[in-house]
């Protein structure tokens, strides 16, 4: 908050800075998918509609422990499978994102231990949570993202264009760095 206040150099916006930070977090949660935000979680799949973790942003993979990963299919494909296979029960082999959650098929006939890999939201900053991996790793993303949300108050302030360019640059570089890190050391060859 003090860093954003220093850049604004306006005492009348101090009470609004937490809101600017929340808006920046919301924006970053919609855009940023960085390897540092990957979360591996143990799960139990025992119903047709397992619950997503509260910090879930995007699924990377889901698998039954010791088995192949579940194949992601579309909602219409899920409906077709249920109709064609008489809504059978068994070990889940497919999943779809439905109504803000997951649906698996076949419907589990028992409890299955699963591993869920997904992009998770960084912990939101607050008085009781002063940091998270994103603030530690890319404080400039927080700074310029927060400063951009001052636009309704600053109107034609020329600094907004500078902050926007800096925010875009840091988000693009985080994305590029994450893509590079995911493939480092693999020896991938372009076909």
C-alpha atoms as a PDB file:
ATOM      1  CA  UNK A   1       0.000   0.000   0.000  1.00  0.00           C
ATOM      2  CA  UNK A   2       2.796   2.414   0.877  1.00  0.00           C
ATOM      3  CA  UNK A   3       4.515   1.699  -2.441  1.00  0.00           C
ATOM      4  CA  UNK A   4       1.363   2.552  -4.410  1.00  0.00           C
ATOM      5  CA  UNK A   5       0.797   5.646  -2.260  1.00  0.00           C
ATOM      6  CA  UNK A   6       4.347   6.809  -2.954  1.00  0.00           C
ATOM      7  CA  UNK A   7       3.822   6.537  -6.714  1.00  0.00           C
ATOM      8  CA  UNK A   8       0.449   8.303  -6.570  1.00  0.00           C
ATOM      9  CA  UNK A   9       1.752  11.178  -4.461  1.00  0.00           C
ATOM     10  CA  UNK A  10      -1.843  11.952  -3.457  1.00  0.00           C
ATOM     11  CA  UNK A  11      -3.005  11.718   0.135  1.00  0.00           C
ATOM     12  CA  UNK A  12      -6.708  11.799  -0.808  1.00  0.00           C
ATOM     13  CA  UNK A  13      -6.508   8.304  -2.364  1.00  0.00           C
ATOM     14  CA  UNK A  14      -4.886   6.500   0.589  1.00  0.00           C
ATOM     15  CA  UNK A  15      -8.130   4.903   1.740  1.00  0.00           C
ATOM     16  CA  UNK A  16      -8.819   3.655  -1.814  1.00  0.00           C
ATOM     17  CA  UNK A  17      -5.476   1.894  -2.264  1.00  0.00           C
ATOM     18  CA  UNK A  18      -6.691  -1.467  -0.861  1.00  0.00           C
ATOM     19  CA  UNK A  19      -9.447  -1.422  -3.494  1.00  0.00           C
ATOM     20  CA  UNK A  20      -6.917  -0.684  -6.253  1.00  0.00           C
ATOM     21  CA  UNK A  21      -4.875  -3.674  -5.057  1.00  0.00           C
ATOM     22  CA  UNK A  22      -7.962  -5.934  -5.016  1.00  0.00           C
ATOM     23  CA  UNK A  23      -8.820  -4.871  -8.562  1.00  0.00           C
ATOM     24  CA  UNK A  24      -5.249  -5.589  -9.686  1.00  0.00           C
ATOM     25  CA  UNK A  25      -5.444  -9.042  -8.070  1.00  0.00           C
ATOM     26  CA  UNK A  26      -8.706  -9.773  -9.878  1.00  0.00           C
ATOM     27  CA  UNK A  27      -7.146  -8.726 -13.181  1.00  0.00           C
ATOM     28  CA  UNK A  28      -4.008 -10.818 -12.599  1.00  0.00           C
ATOM     29  CA  UNK A  29      -6.109 -13.850 -11.620  1.00  0.00           C
ATOM     30  CA  UNK A  30      -7.911 -13.650 -14.961  1.00  0.00           C
ATOM     31  CA  UNK A  31      -4.719 -13.254 -17.013  1.00  0.00           C
ATOM     32  CA  UNK A  32      -1.686 -14.800 -15.338  1.00  0.00           C
ATOM     33  CA  UNK A  33      -0.914 -18.524 -15.516  1.00  0.00           C
ATOM     34  CA  UNK A  34       2.605 -18.910 -14.151  1.00  0.00           C
ATOM     35  CA  UNK A  35       4.321 -22.133 -13.126  1.00  0.00           C
ATOM     36  CA  UNK A  36       4.873 -20.670  -9.647  1.00  0.00           C
ATOM     37  CA  UNK A  37       1.083 -20.613  -9.251  1.00  0.00           C
ATOM     38  CA  UNK A  38       0.682 -24.333  -9.965  1.00  0.00           C
ATOM     39  CA  UNK A  39      -0.877 -26.298  -7.112  1.00  0.00           C
ATOM     40  CA  UNK A  40      -0.763 -30.072  -6.695  1.00  0.00           C
ATOM     41  CA  UNK A  41      -3.519 -31.338  -4.437  1.00  0.00           C
ATOM     42  CA  UNK A  42      -4.719 -34.718  -3.298  1.00  0.00           C
ATOM     43  CA  UNK A  43      -8.416 -35.245  -3.849  1.00  0.00           C
ATOM     44  CA  UNK A  44     -11.041 -37.911  -3.429  1.00  0.00           C
ATOM     45  CA  UNK A  45     -13.481 -38.486  -6.247  1.00  0.00           C
ATOM     46  CA  UNK A  46     -16.587 -40.194  -4.959  1.00  0.00           C
ATOM     47  CA  UNK A  47     -19.448 -38.346  -6.668  1.00  0.00           C
ATOM     48  CA  UNK A  48     -20.435 -37.361 -10.180  1.00  0.00           C
ATOM     49  CA  UNK A  49     -19.708 -33.722  -9.305  1.00  0.00           C
ATOM     50  CA  UNK A  50     -16.452 -33.339  -7.331  1.00  0.00           C
ATOM     51  CA  UNK A  51     -15.908 -29.885  -5.855  1.00  0.00           C
ATOM     52  CA  UNK A  52     -13.152 -27.651  -7.204  1.00  0.00           C
ATOM     53  CA  UNK A  53     -10.648 -26.187  -4.734  1.00  0.00           C
ATOM     54  CA  UNK A  54     -11.557 -22.678  -3.562  1.00  0.00           C
ATOM     55  CA  UNK A  55      -8.363 -21.216  -5.049  1.00  0.00           C
ATOM     56  CA  UNK A  56      -8.879 -22.913  -8.450  1.00  0.00           C
ATOM     57  CA  UNK A  57      -8.297 -20.844 -11.583  1.00  0.00           C
ATOM     58  CA  UNK A  58      -7.658 -23.417 -14.313  1.00  0.00           C
ATOM     59  CA  UNK A  59      -7.167 -27.178 -14.521  1.00  0.00           C
ATOM     60  CA  UNK A  60      -3.875 -28.538 -15.789  1.00  0.00           C
ATOM     61  CA  UNK A  61      -4.582 -32.232 -15.260  1.00  0.00           C
ATOM     62  CA  UNK A  62      -6.573 -34.659 -13.141  1.00  0.00           C
ATOM     63  CA  UNK A  63      -5.741 -38.301 -12.629  1.00  0.00           C
ATOM     64  CA  UNK A  64      -6.692 -41.241 -10.461  1.00  0.00           C
ATOM     65  CA  UNK A  65      -3.597 -42.094  -8.392  1.00  0.00           C
ATOM     66  CA  UNK A  66      -1.587 -44.812 -10.113  1.00  0.00           C
ATOM     67  CA  UNK A  67      -3.721 -44.669 -13.273  1.00  0.00           C
ATOM     68  CA  UNK A  68      -3.828 -42.712 -16.494  1.00  0.00           C
ATOM     69  CA  UNK A  69      -5.002 -39.147 -16.324  1.00  0.00           C
ATOM     70  CA  UNK A  70      -8.640 -38.402 -16.898  1.00  0.00           C
ATOM     71  CA  UNK A  71      -9.382 -37.000 -20.340  1.00  0.00           C
ATOM     72  CA  UNK A  72     -11.053 -33.600 -20.422  1.00  0.00           C
ATOM     73  CA  UNK A  73     -14.103 -33.485 -22.664  1.00  0.00           C
ATOM     74  CA  UNK A  74     -16.712 -30.849 -23.424  1.00  0.00           C
ATOM     75  CA  UNK A  75     -20.075 -30.632 -21.700  1.00  0.00           C
ATOM     76  CA  UNK A  76     -21.935 -31.894 -24.825  1.00  0.00           C
ATOM     77  CA  UNK A  77     -19.509 -34.836 -25.072  1.00  0.00           C
ATOM     78  CA  UNK A  78     -20.201 -35.632 -21.407  1.00  0.00           C
ATOM     79  CA  UNK A  79     -23.960 -35.689 -22.081  1.00  0.00           C
ATOM     80  CA  UNK A  80     -23.408 -37.955 -25.116  1.00  0.00           C
ATOM     81  CA  UNK A  81     -21.300 -40.393 -23.090  1.00  0.00           C
ATOM     82  CA  UNK A  82     -23.936 -40.582 -20.363  1.00  0.00           C
ATOM     83  CA  UNK A  83     -26.667 -41.283 -22.947  1.00  0.00           C
ATOM     84  CA  UNK A  84     -24.674 -43.789 -25.013  1.00  0.00           C
ATOM     85  CA  UNK A  85     -23.387 -45.745 -22.027  1.00  0.00           C
ATOM     86  CA  UNK A  86     -26.595 -45.650 -19.978  1.00  0.00           C
ATOM     87  CA  UNK A  87     -25.028 -43.440 -17.309  1.00  0.00           C
ATOM     88  CA  UNK A  88     -22.904 -46.340 -16.043  1.00  0.00           C
ATOM     89  CA  UNK A  89     -20.934 -46.294 -12.824  1.00  0.00           C
ATOM     90  CA  UNK A  90     -17.272 -47.235 -12.537  1.00  0.00           C
ATOM     91  CA  UNK A  91     -13.814 -45.759 -12.342  1.00  0.00           C
ATOM     92  CA  UNK A  92     -13.852 -42.222 -13.788  1.00  0.00           C
ATOM     93  CA  UNK A  93     -12.032 -41.815 -17.125  1.00  0.00           C
ATOM     94  CA  UNK A  94     -13.339 -38.420 -18.280  1.00  0.00           C
ATOM     95  CA  UNK A  95     -14.085 -35.026 -16.779  1.00  0.00           C
ATOM     96  CA  UNK A  96     -15.728 -31.829 -17.930  1.00  0.00           C
ATOM     97  CA  UNK A  97     -16.079 -28.365 -16.468  1.00  0.00           C
ATOM     98  CA  UNK A  98     -19.770 -27.889 -15.737  1.00  0.00           C
ATOM     99  CA  UNK A  99     -21.595 -25.145 -13.828  1.00  0.00           C
ATOM    100  CA  UNK A 100     -18.458 -23.789 -12.179  1.00  0.00           C
ATOM    101  CA  UNK A 101     -17.316 -27.243 -11.081  1.00  0.00           C
ATOM    102  CA  UNK A 102     -16.348 -30.661 -12.389  1.00  0.00           C
ATOM    103  CA  UNK A 103     -18.341 -33.607 -13.650  1.00  0.00           C
ATOM    104  CA  UNK A 104     -16.720 -37.032 -14.047  1.00  0.00           C
ATOM    105  CA  UNK A 105     -17.702 -40.069 -16.089  1.00  0.00           C
ATOM    106  CA  UNK A 106     -18.347 -42.826 -15.360  1.00  0.00           C
ATOM    107  CA  UNK A 107     -19.998 -41.807 -12.121  1.00  0.00           C
ATOM    108  CA  UNK A 108     -17.717 -43.188  -9.394  1.00  0.00           C
ATOM    109  CA  UNK A 109     -18.751 -46.572  -8.007  1.00  0.00           C
ATOM    110  CA  UNK A 110     -16.378 -46.073  -5.042  1.00  0.00           C
ATOM    111  CA  UNK A 111     -14.052 -43.430  -3.616  1.00  0.00           C
ATOM    112  CA  UNK A 112     -11.005 -42.900  -5.819  1.00  0.00           C
ATOM    113  CA  UNK A 113      -7.834 -41.150  -4.686  1.00  0.00           C
ATOM    114  CA  UNK A 114      -6.892 -38.538  -7.238  1.00  0.00           C
ATOM    115  CA  UNK A 115      -4.190 -35.996  -7.914  1.00  0.00           C
ATOM    116  CA  UNK A 116      -5.274 -32.607  -9.144  1.00  0.00           C
ATOM    117  CA  UNK A 117      -2.819 -30.195 -10.742  1.00  0.00           C
ATOM    118  CA  UNK A 118      -4.191 -26.726 -11.358  1.00  0.00           C
ATOM    119  CA  UNK A 119      -3.378 -23.033 -11.386  1.00  0.00           C
ATOM    120  CA  UNK A 120      -4.352 -21.547  -8.061  1.00  0.00           C
ATOM    121  CA  UNK A 121      -5.064 -17.970  -7.077  1.00  0.00           C
ATOM    122  CA  UNK A 122      -2.275 -16.347  -5.096  1.00  0.00           C
ATOM    123  CA  UNK A 123      -3.455 -15.610  -1.562  1.00  0.00           C
ATOM    124  CA  UNK A 124      -5.134 -12.203  -1.556  1.00  0.00           C
ATOM    125  CA  UNK A 125      -3.223  -9.495   0.252  1.00  0.00           C
ATOM    126  CA  UNK A 126      -4.763  -8.126   3.434  1.00  0.00           C
ATOM    127  CA  UNK A 127      -3.814  -6.786   6.848  1.00  0.00           C
ATOM    128  CA  UNK A 128      -3.370 -10.382   8.027  1.00  0.00           C
ATOM    129  CA  UNK A 129      -1.639 -11.595   4.829  1.00  0.00           C
ATOM    130  CA  UNK A 130       1.123  -9.208   3.829  1.00  0.00           C
ATOM    131  CA  UNK A 131       2.629 -11.285   1.012  1.00  0.00           C
ATOM    132  CA  UNK A 132       2.220 -14.112  -1.471  1.00  0.00           C
ATOM    133  CA  UNK A 133       4.376 -15.720  -4.149  1.00  0.00           C
ATOM    134  CA  UNK A 134       3.398 -13.153  -6.781  1.00  0.00           C
ATOM    135  CA  UNK A 135       4.208 -10.110  -4.653  1.00  0.00           C
ATOM    136  CA  UNK A 136       7.515 -11.689  -3.599  1.00  0.00           C
ATOM    137  CA  UNK A 137       8.443 -12.617  -7.166  1.00  0.00           C
ATOM    138  CA  UNK A 138       6.935  -9.751  -9.194  1.00  0.00           C
ATOM    139  CA  UNK A 139       6.192  -6.736  -7.002  1.00  0.00           C
ATOM    140  CA  UNK A 140       6.094  -4.618 -10.154  1.00  0.00           C
ATOM    141  CA  UNK A 141       2.988  -6.533 -11.327  1.00  0.00           C
ATOM    142  CA  UNK A 142       1.197  -5.482  -8.145  1.00  0.00           C
ATOM    143  CA  UNK A 143       2.494  -1.917  -8.323  1.00  0.00           C
ATOM    144  CA  UNK A 144       1.565  -1.157 -11.921  1.00  0.00           C
ATOM    145  CA  UNK A 145      -1.638  -3.218 -11.828  1.00  0.00           C
ATOM    146  CA  UNK A 146      -2.803  -1.260  -8.780  1.00  0.00           C
ATOM    147  CA  UNK A 147      -1.770   2.075 -10.257  1.00  0.00           C
ATOM    148  CA  UNK A 148      -3.764   1.377 -13.434  1.00  0.00           C
ATOM    149  CA  UNK A 149      -6.942   1.098 -11.375  1.00  0.00           C
ATOM    150  CA  UNK A 150      -6.527   4.693 -10.207  1.00  0.00           C
ATOM    151  CA  UNK A 151      -7.606   5.888 -13.674  1.00  0.00           C
ATOM    152  CA  UNK A 152     -11.150   6.948 -12.647  1.00  0.00           C
ATOM    153  CA  UNK A 153      -9.612   9.252 -10.033  1.00  0.00           C
ATOM    154  CA  UNK A 154      -6.631  10.537 -12.016  1.00  0.00           C
ATOM    155  CA  UNK A 155      -8.515  11.009 -15.314  1.00  0.00           C
ATOM    156  CA  UNK A 156      -6.014  12.420 -17.879  1.00  0.00           C
ATOM    157  CA  UNK A 157      -2.882  11.817 -15.828  1.00  0.00           C
ATOM    158  CA  UNK A 158      -0.044  11.096 -18.317  1.00  0.00           C
ATOM    159  CA  UNK A 159       1.440   8.579 -15.883  1.00  0.00           C
ATOM    160  CA  UNK A 160      -1.428   6.172 -16.659  1.00  0.00           C
ATOM    161  CA  UNK A 161      -0.015   5.408 -20.121  1.00  0.00           C
ATOM    162  CA  UNK A 162       3.416   4.735 -18.615  1.00  0.00           C
ATOM    163  CA  UNK A 163       1.966   2.498 -15.895  1.00  0.00           C
ATOM    164  CA  UNK A 164      -0.130   0.659 -18.502  1.00  0.00           C
ATOM    165  CA  UNK A 165       2.929  -0.030 -20.651  1.00  0.00           C
ATOM    166  CA  UNK A 166       4.941  -1.173 -17.634  1.00  0.00           C
ATOM    167  CA  UNK A 167       2.094  -3.446 -16.463  1.00  0.00           C
ATOM    168  CA  UNK A 168       1.762  -4.999 -19.922  1.00  0.00           C
ATOM    169  CA  UNK A 169       5.528  -5.511 -20.061  1.00  0.00           C
ATOM    170  CA  UNK A 170       5.705  -7.260 -16.685  1.00  0.00           C
ATOM    171  CA  UNK A 171       2.705  -9.493 -17.464  1.00  0.00           C
ATOM    172  CA  UNK A 172       4.142 -10.406 -20.886  1.00  0.00           C
ATOM    173  CA  UNK A 173       7.548 -11.171 -19.372  1.00  0.00           C
ATOM    174  CA  UNK A 174       6.010 -13.335 -16.624  1.00  0.00           C
ATOM    175  CA  UNK A 175       4.094 -15.271 -19.276  1.00  0.00           C
ATOM    176  CA  UNK A 176       7.193 -15.712 -21.486  1.00  0.00           C
ATOM    177  CA  UNK A 177       9.360 -16.730 -18.540  1.00  0.00           C
ATOM    178  CA  UNK A 178       6.811 -19.303 -17.424  1.00  0.00           C
ATOM    179  CA  UNK A 179       6.539 -20.814 -20.917  1.00  0.00           C
ATOM    180  CA  UNK A 180      10.326 -21.004 -21.151  1.00  0.00           C
ATOM    181  CA  UNK A 181      10.665 -22.598 -17.704  1.00  0.00           C
ATOM    182  CA  UNK A 182       8.054 -25.274 -18.502  1.00  0.00           C
ATOM    183  CA  UNK A 183      10.117 -26.484 -21.453  1.00  0.00           C
ATOM    184  CA  UNK A 184      13.637 -25.955 -20.113  1.00  0.00           C
ATOM    185  CA  UNK A 185      15.872 -29.006 -20.215  1.00  0.00           C
ATOM    186  CA  UNK A 186      13.404 -31.072 -22.243  1.00  0.00           C
ATOM    187  CA  UNK A 187      15.310 -31.085 -25.486  1.00  0.00           C
ATOM    188  CA  UNK A 188      12.099 -30.385 -27.364  1.00  0.00           C
ATOM    189  CA  UNK A 189      12.638 -30.118 -31.091  1.00  0.00           C
ATOM    190  CA  UNK A 190      10.264 -28.222 -33.341  1.00  0.00           C
ATOM    191  CA  UNK A 191       8.870 -30.409 -36.130  1.00  0.00           C
END
